[in-house]
């Protein structure tokens, strides 16, 4: 007799759960959401070839560009250490350290112009 009582309680509980699911799904089905499709378009973007490697770094200017990932204090010490390494091991290489302004997803036309006018190479990335 006791097992019948437990079975009846379980059936009522399952029925109640199904009723709640039905009520909630009906209540929220009228809401609309916007979903973005992450798949790329059918056409591939035009590829731009990489710049050829430099034959030597001697006498060249290299820009080390911090993109700001990890916060403003994450990378400066790494870039300064790299700059110090060049000063000790390759003194003929001039190293300039720069940080982007704003988000790494924003274009940096002033920085790219400076690098193209004054630099021979750039290392752009994360160092945090």
N, C-alpha and C. Protein backbone atom coordinates (compact mmCIF):
# COMPACT_ATOMS: atom_id res chain seq x y z
N UNK A 1 0.81 -1.19 0.00
CA UNK A 1 0.00 0.00 0.00
C UNK A 1 0.86 1.26 0.00
N UNK A 2 1.98 1.20 0.74
CA UNK A 2 2.85 2.36 0.83
C UNK A 2 3.46 2.69 -0.52
N UNK A 3 3.84 1.68 -1.29
CA UNK A 3 4.45 1.92 -2.59
C UNK A 3 3.46 2.55 -3.55
N UNK A 4 2.14 2.22 -3.41
CA UNK A 4 1.11 2.84 -4.25
C UNK A 4 1.01 4.33 -3.95
N UNK A 5 1.14 4.68 -2.69
CA UNK A 5 1.07 6.09 -2.29
C UNK A 5 2.26 6.86 -2.88
N UNK A 6 3.46 6.29 -2.82
CA UNK A 6 4.65 6.92 -3.38
C UNK A 6 4.54 7.04 -4.90
N UNK A 7 4.00 6.01 -5.54
CA UNK A 7 3.83 6.03 -6.99
C UNK A 7 2.84 7.13 -7.38
N UNK A 8 1.75 7.26 -6.64
CA UNK A 8 0.76 8.29 -6.92
C UNK A 8 1.37 9.68 -6.77
N UNK A 9 2.18 9.87 -5.74
CA UNK A 9 2.85 11.17 -5.54
C UNK A 9 3.78 11.47 -6.70
N UNK A 10 4.51 10.47 -7.18
CA UNK A 10 5.44 10.68 -8.29
C UNK A 10 4.69 11.01 -9.57
N UNK A 11 3.58 10.35 -9.80
CA UNK A 11 2.78 10.64 -11.00
C UNK A 11 2.26 12.07 -10.94
N UNK A 12 1.76 12.50 -9.80
CA UNK A 12 1.27 13.87 -9.65
C UNK A 12 2.40 14.88 -9.84
N UNK A 13 3.57 14.57 -9.32
CA UNK A 13 4.72 15.46 -9.46
C UNK A 13 5.13 15.59 -10.93
N UNK A 14 5.19 14.48 -11.62
CA UNK A 14 5.54 14.52 -13.04
C UNK A 14 4.49 15.28 -13.84
N UNK A 15 3.23 15.06 -13.54
CA UNK A 15 2.15 15.78 -14.21
C UNK A 15 2.26 17.28 -13.96
N UNK A 16 2.54 17.66 -12.73
CA UNK A 16 2.70 19.07 -12.38
C UNK A 16 3.86 19.69 -13.14
N UNK A 17 4.96 18.98 -13.26
CA UNK A 17 6.13 19.48 -14.00
C UNK A 17 5.77 19.71 -15.46
N UNK A 18 5.07 18.76 -16.07
CA UNK A 18 4.66 18.91 -17.47
C UNK A 18 3.72 20.11 -17.66
N UNK A 19 2.82 20.30 -16.73
CA UNK A 19 1.90 21.44 -16.81
C UNK A 19 2.68 22.76 -16.70
N UNK A 20 3.63 22.83 -15.76
CA UNK A 20 4.45 24.05 -15.62
C UNK A 20 5.27 24.32 -16.88
N UNK A 21 5.83 23.29 -17.47
CA UNK A 21 6.60 23.46 -18.70
C UNK A 21 5.69 24.00 -19.81
N UNK A 22 4.52 23.44 -19.93
CA UNK A 22 3.57 23.89 -20.96
C UNK A 22 3.17 25.34 -20.74
N UNK A 23 2.89 25.71 -19.50
CA UNK A 23 2.49 27.09 -19.19
C UNK A 23 3.61 28.07 -19.51
N UNK A 24 4.82 27.77 -19.06
CA UNK A 24 5.96 28.68 -19.29
C UNK A 24 6.32 28.77 -20.76
N UNK A 25 6.29 27.65 -21.47
CA UNK A 25 6.64 27.71 -22.89
C UNK A 25 5.60 28.50 -23.67
N UNK A 26 4.33 28.45 -23.29
CA UNK A 26 3.28 29.23 -23.94
C UNK A 26 3.44 30.72 -23.60
N UNK A 27 3.77 31.00 -22.37
CA UNK A 27 3.89 32.39 -21.93
C UNK A 27 5.05 33.10 -22.62
N UNK A 28 6.15 32.40 -22.87
CA UNK A 28 7.33 33.04 -23.43
C UNK A 28 7.48 32.83 -24.93
N UNK A 29 6.60 32.09 -25.54
CA UNK A 29 6.75 31.82 -26.97
C UNK A 29 6.44 33.05 -27.82
N UNK A 30 5.74 34.04 -27.29
CA UNK A 30 5.43 35.23 -28.08
C UNK A 30 6.61 36.21 -28.12
N UNK A 31 7.59 36.04 -27.23
CA UNK A 31 8.76 36.91 -27.26
C UNK A 31 9.62 36.57 -28.46
N UNK A 32 10.20 37.60 -29.08
CA UNK A 32 11.09 37.38 -30.21
C UNK A 32 12.48 37.86 -29.84
N UNK A 33 13.46 37.12 -30.30
CA UNK A 33 14.84 37.50 -30.07
C UNK A 33 15.54 37.62 -31.42
N UNK A 34 16.60 38.39 -31.45
CA UNK A 34 17.41 38.53 -32.65
C UNK A 34 18.68 37.72 -32.46
N UNK A 35 18.99 36.92 -33.44
CA UNK A 35 20.17 36.06 -33.38
C UNK A 35 21.08 36.40 -34.55
N UNK A 36 22.38 36.54 -34.27
CA UNK A 36 23.35 36.80 -35.34
C UNK A 36 23.93 35.48 -35.82
N UNK A 37 24.12 35.39 -37.12
CA UNK A 37 24.68 34.19 -37.70
C UNK A 37 26.20 34.33 -37.76
N UNK A 38 26.96 33.49 -37.05
CA UNK A 38 28.42 33.66 -37.00
C UNK A 38 29.15 33.08 -38.21
N UNK A 39 28.45 32.43 -39.12
CA UNK A 39 29.14 31.85 -40.26
C UNK A 39 29.60 32.93 -41.23
N UNK A 40 30.74 32.73 -41.84
CA UNK A 40 31.26 33.74 -42.77
C UNK A 40 30.43 33.76 -44.06
N UNK A 41 30.50 34.86 -44.78
CA UNK A 41 29.78 34.90 -46.06
C UNK A 41 30.38 33.88 -47.03
N UNK A 42 29.67 33.62 -48.09
CA UNK A 42 30.13 32.62 -49.06
C UNK A 42 31.43 33.02 -49.74
N UNK A 43 31.65 34.31 -49.91
CA UNK A 43 32.84 34.76 -50.60
C UNK A 43 33.96 35.01 -49.59
N UNK A 44 35.13 34.48 -49.87
CA UNK A 44 36.28 34.71 -49.01
C UNK A 44 36.79 36.14 -49.24
N UNK A 45 37.39 36.70 -48.24
CA UNK A 45 37.97 38.03 -48.38
C UNK A 45 39.22 37.95 -49.24
N UNK A 46 39.56 39.07 -49.86
CA UNK A 46 40.76 39.11 -50.66
C UNK A 46 41.97 38.98 -49.75
N UNK A 47 42.89 38.14 -50.13
CA UNK A 47 44.09 37.94 -49.32
C UNK A 47 45.15 38.97 -49.69
N UNK A 48 45.80 39.47 -48.68
CA UNK A 48 46.89 40.42 -48.88
C UNK A 48 48.18 39.70 -48.48
N UNK A 49 49.15 39.65 -49.36
CA UNK A 49 50.38 38.92 -49.01
C UNK A 49 51.14 39.61 -47.88
N UNK A 50 51.86 38.82 -47.11
CA UNK A 50 52.68 39.37 -46.04
C UNK A 50 53.87 40.12 -46.63
N UNK A 51 54.36 41.07 -45.89
CA UNK A 51 55.56 41.80 -46.30
C UNK A 51 56.75 40.86 -46.22
N UNK A 52 57.65 40.93 -47.20
CA UNK A 52 58.83 40.04 -47.14
C UNK A 52 59.66 40.31 -45.87
N UNK A 53 60.32 39.28 -45.39
CA UNK A 53 61.19 39.41 -44.21
C UNK A 53 62.37 40.32 -44.51
N UNK A 54 62.84 40.99 -43.48
CA UNK A 54 64.04 41.80 -43.61
C UNK A 54 65.26 40.88 -43.67
N UNK A 55 66.26 41.25 -44.45
CA UNK A 55 67.49 40.46 -44.51
C UNK A 55 68.26 40.53 -43.20
N UNK A 56 68.19 41.70 -42.56
CA UNK A 56 68.89 41.92 -41.30
C UNK A 56 68.10 42.93 -40.46
N UNK A 57 68.31 42.89 -39.17
CA UNK A 57 67.70 43.89 -38.29
C UNK A 57 68.67 45.02 -37.99
N UNK A 58 69.92 44.82 -38.32
CA UNK A 58 70.95 45.82 -38.04
C UNK A 58 70.60 47.14 -38.72
N UNK A 59 70.59 48.21 -37.91
CA UNK A 59 70.28 49.55 -38.43
C UNK A 59 68.79 49.79 -38.66
N UNK A 60 67.96 48.89 -38.25
CA UNK A 60 66.51 49.01 -38.48
C UNK A 60 65.80 49.47 -37.21
N UNK A 61 64.57 49.94 -37.39
CA UNK A 61 63.72 50.34 -36.27
C UNK A 61 62.55 49.37 -36.19
N UNK A 62 62.36 48.80 -34.99
CA UNK A 62 61.28 47.85 -34.75
C UNK A 62 60.30 48.48 -33.76
N UNK A 63 59.04 48.42 -34.08
CA UNK A 63 58.00 48.89 -33.16
C UNK A 63 57.39 47.68 -32.46
N UNK A 64 57.33 47.74 -31.14
CA UNK A 64 56.64 46.73 -30.33
C UNK A 64 55.32 47.36 -29.91
N UNK A 65 54.22 46.81 -30.37
CA UNK A 65 52.91 47.42 -30.15
C UNK A 65 52.08 46.57 -29.21
N UNK A 66 51.73 47.15 -28.07
CA UNK A 66 50.88 46.51 -27.07
C UNK A 66 49.43 46.77 -27.44
N UNK A 67 48.64 45.71 -27.63
CA UNK A 67 47.23 45.90 -28.01
C UNK A 67 46.32 46.10 -26.80
N UNK A 68 46.88 46.06 -25.60
CA UNK A 68 46.10 46.36 -24.40
C UNK A 68 45.34 45.20 -23.81
N UNK A 69 45.55 43.99 -24.33
CA UNK A 69 44.86 42.84 -23.77
C UNK A 69 45.44 42.55 -22.39
N UNK A 70 44.58 42.36 -21.43
CA UNK A 70 45.02 42.07 -20.08
C UNK A 70 45.11 43.30 -19.20
N UNK A 71 44.80 44.46 -19.76
CA UNK A 71 44.83 45.70 -18.98
C UNK A 71 46.07 46.52 -19.23
N UNK A 72 46.05 47.75 -18.78
CA UNK A 72 47.16 48.67 -19.08
C UNK A 72 48.48 48.32 -18.41
N UNK A 73 48.46 47.51 -17.35
CA UNK A 73 49.70 47.19 -16.65
C UNK A 73 50.19 45.77 -16.97
N UNK A 74 49.52 45.07 -17.88
CA UNK A 74 49.87 43.68 -18.15
C UNK A 74 51.13 43.54 -19.00
N UNK A 75 51.31 44.38 -20.00
CA UNK A 75 52.38 44.15 -20.98
C UNK A 75 53.60 45.05 -20.90
N UNK A 76 53.53 46.27 -20.37
CA UNK A 76 54.70 47.16 -20.45
C UNK A 76 56.00 46.55 -19.98
N UNK A 77 55.98 45.77 -18.92
CA UNK A 77 57.23 45.19 -18.43
C UNK A 77 57.80 44.19 -19.42
N UNK A 78 56.96 43.45 -20.11
CA UNK A 78 57.43 42.49 -21.11
C UNK A 78 58.08 43.23 -22.28
N UNK A 79 57.42 44.27 -22.75
CA UNK A 79 57.97 45.03 -23.87
C UNK A 79 59.26 45.74 -23.48
N UNK A 80 59.34 46.26 -22.27
CA UNK A 80 60.56 46.90 -21.81
C UNK A 80 61.70 45.89 -21.70
N UNK A 81 61.37 44.67 -21.27
CA UNK A 81 62.38 43.62 -21.21
C UNK A 81 62.88 43.27 -22.62
N UNK A 82 61.97 43.22 -23.58
CA UNK A 82 62.37 42.95 -24.97
C UNK A 82 63.26 44.07 -25.49
N UNK A 83 62.90 45.29 -25.18
CA UNK A 83 63.69 46.45 -25.61
C UNK A 83 65.09 46.38 -24.99
N UNK A 84 65.17 46.02 -23.71
CA UNK A 84 66.46 45.90 -23.03
C UNK A 84 67.29 44.77 -23.65
N UNK A 85 66.64 43.67 -24.05
CA UNK A 85 67.36 42.57 -24.69
C UNK A 85 68.00 43.04 -25.99
N UNK A 86 67.24 43.77 -26.80
CA UNK A 86 67.79 44.29 -28.05
C UNK A 86 68.96 45.23 -27.77
N UNK A 87 68.84 46.07 -26.76
CA UNK A 87 69.92 47.01 -26.42
C UNK A 87 71.20 46.26 -26.03
N UNK A 88 71.07 45.16 -25.30
CA UNK A 88 72.24 44.37 -24.89
C UNK A 88 72.81 43.53 -26.04
N UNK A 89 71.95 42.89 -26.79
CA UNK A 89 72.38 41.88 -27.76
C UNK A 89 72.46 42.38 -29.21
N UNK A 90 71.69 43.39 -29.54
CA UNK A 90 71.70 43.93 -30.90
C UNK A 90 71.61 45.46 -30.81
N UNK A 91 72.66 46.12 -30.35
CA UNK A 91 72.60 47.56 -30.11
C UNK A 91 72.35 48.38 -31.38
N UNK A 92 72.54 47.81 -32.53
CA UNK A 92 72.29 48.54 -33.78
C UNK A 92 70.82 48.60 -34.16
N UNK A 93 69.97 47.94 -33.39
CA UNK A 93 68.52 47.92 -33.65
C UNK A 93 67.85 48.93 -32.73
N UNK A 94 67.08 49.82 -33.32
CA UNK A 94 66.32 50.80 -32.53
C UNK A 94 64.94 50.20 -32.26
N UNK A 95 64.52 50.21 -30.99
CA UNK A 95 63.23 49.64 -30.60
C UNK A 95 62.35 50.73 -30.02
N UNK A 96 61.13 50.83 -30.55
CA UNK A 96 60.14 51.78 -30.06
C UNK A 96 58.96 50.99 -29.52
N UNK A 97 58.51 51.32 -28.31
CA UNK A 97 57.36 50.66 -27.71
C UNK A 97 56.16 51.60 -27.78
N UNK A 98 55.05 51.07 -28.27
CA UNK A 98 53.82 51.85 -28.37
C UNK A 98 52.65 51.02 -27.84
N UNK A 99 51.63 51.72 -27.38
CA UNK A 99 50.37 51.08 -26.97
C UNK A 99 49.26 51.67 -27.82
N UNK A 100 48.29 50.83 -28.17
CA UNK A 100 47.18 51.34 -28.95
C UNK A 100 46.28 52.19 -28.06
N UNK A 101 45.50 53.03 -28.69
CA UNK A 101 44.54 53.86 -27.96
C UNK A 101 43.17 53.22 -28.10
N UNK A 102 42.46 53.09 -27.00
CA UNK A 102 41.13 52.48 -27.05
C UNK A 102 41.21 50.97 -27.11
N UNK A 103 40.29 50.38 -27.84
CA UNK A 103 40.18 48.93 -27.95
C UNK A 103 41.04 48.39 -29.08
N UNK A 104 41.49 47.16 -28.92
CA UNK A 104 42.29 46.53 -29.97
C UNK A 104 41.46 46.30 -31.23
N UNK A 105 40.15 46.39 -31.13
CA UNK A 105 39.29 46.19 -32.30
C UNK A 105 39.11 47.47 -33.11
N UNK A 106 39.58 48.59 -32.60
CA UNK A 106 39.47 49.85 -33.32
C UNK A 106 40.70 50.06 -34.19
N UNK A 107 40.48 50.66 -35.35
CA UNK A 107 41.60 50.95 -36.24
C UNK A 107 42.49 52.01 -35.58
N UNK A 108 43.76 51.98 -35.88
CA UNK A 108 44.74 52.89 -35.29
C UNK A 108 45.49 53.62 -36.41
N UNK A 109 44.82 54.45 -37.21
CA UNK A 109 45.48 55.04 -38.38
C UNK A 109 46.72 55.87 -38.05
N UNK A 110 46.71 56.62 -36.95
CA UNK A 110 47.89 57.42 -36.61
C UNK A 110 49.09 56.53 -36.29
N UNK A 111 48.84 55.45 -35.56
CA UNK A 111 49.91 54.54 -35.19
C UNK A 111 50.45 53.82 -36.43
N UNK A 112 49.56 53.35 -37.29
CA UNK A 112 50.02 52.66 -38.51
C UNK A 112 50.82 53.60 -39.40
N UNK A 113 50.41 54.88 -39.44
CA UNK A 113 51.15 55.86 -40.23
C UNK A 113 52.55 56.06 -39.66
N UNK A 114 52.63 56.22 -38.33
CA UNK A 114 53.94 56.39 -37.68
C UNK A 114 54.85 55.20 -37.95
N UNK A 115 54.30 54.00 -37.82
CA UNK A 115 55.11 52.80 -38.04
C UNK A 115 55.57 52.72 -39.50
N UNK A 116 54.68 53.03 -40.43
CA UNK A 116 55.06 52.94 -41.85
C UNK A 116 56.08 54.00 -42.24
N UNK A 117 56.05 55.15 -41.58
CA UNK A 117 56.99 56.23 -41.91
C UNK A 117 58.34 56.07 -41.20
N UNK A 118 58.31 55.60 -39.95
CA UNK A 118 59.53 55.58 -39.14
C UNK A 118 60.08 54.19 -38.86
N UNK A 119 59.30 53.16 -39.14
CA UNK A 119 59.73 51.82 -38.77
C UNK A 119 60.02 50.93 -39.95
N UNK A 120 60.77 49.88 -39.67
CA UNK A 120 61.07 48.87 -40.67
C UNK A 120 60.33 47.57 -40.38
N UNK A 121 59.89 47.41 -39.14
CA UNK A 121 59.15 46.20 -38.75
C UNK A 121 58.32 46.51 -37.51
N UNK A 122 57.34 45.67 -37.28
CA UNK A 122 56.50 45.83 -36.08
C UNK A 122 56.10 44.46 -35.55
N UNK A 123 56.09 44.36 -34.24
CA UNK A 123 55.57 43.17 -33.56
C UNK A 123 54.34 43.64 -32.80
N UNK A 124 53.19 43.18 -33.25
CA UNK A 124 51.92 43.63 -32.66
C UNK A 124 51.28 42.44 -31.97
N UNK A 125 50.99 42.59 -30.68
CA UNK A 125 50.38 41.45 -30.03
C UNK A 125 50.17 41.59 -28.55
N UNK A 126 50.03 40.43 -27.95
CA UNK A 126 49.70 40.30 -26.53
C UNK A 126 50.99 39.96 -25.78
N UNK A 127 51.19 40.62 -24.67
CA UNK A 127 52.36 40.29 -23.85
C UNK A 127 52.02 40.25 -22.39
N UNK A 128 50.75 40.06 -22.06
CA UNK A 128 50.36 40.08 -20.66
C UNK A 128 50.33 38.74 -20.02
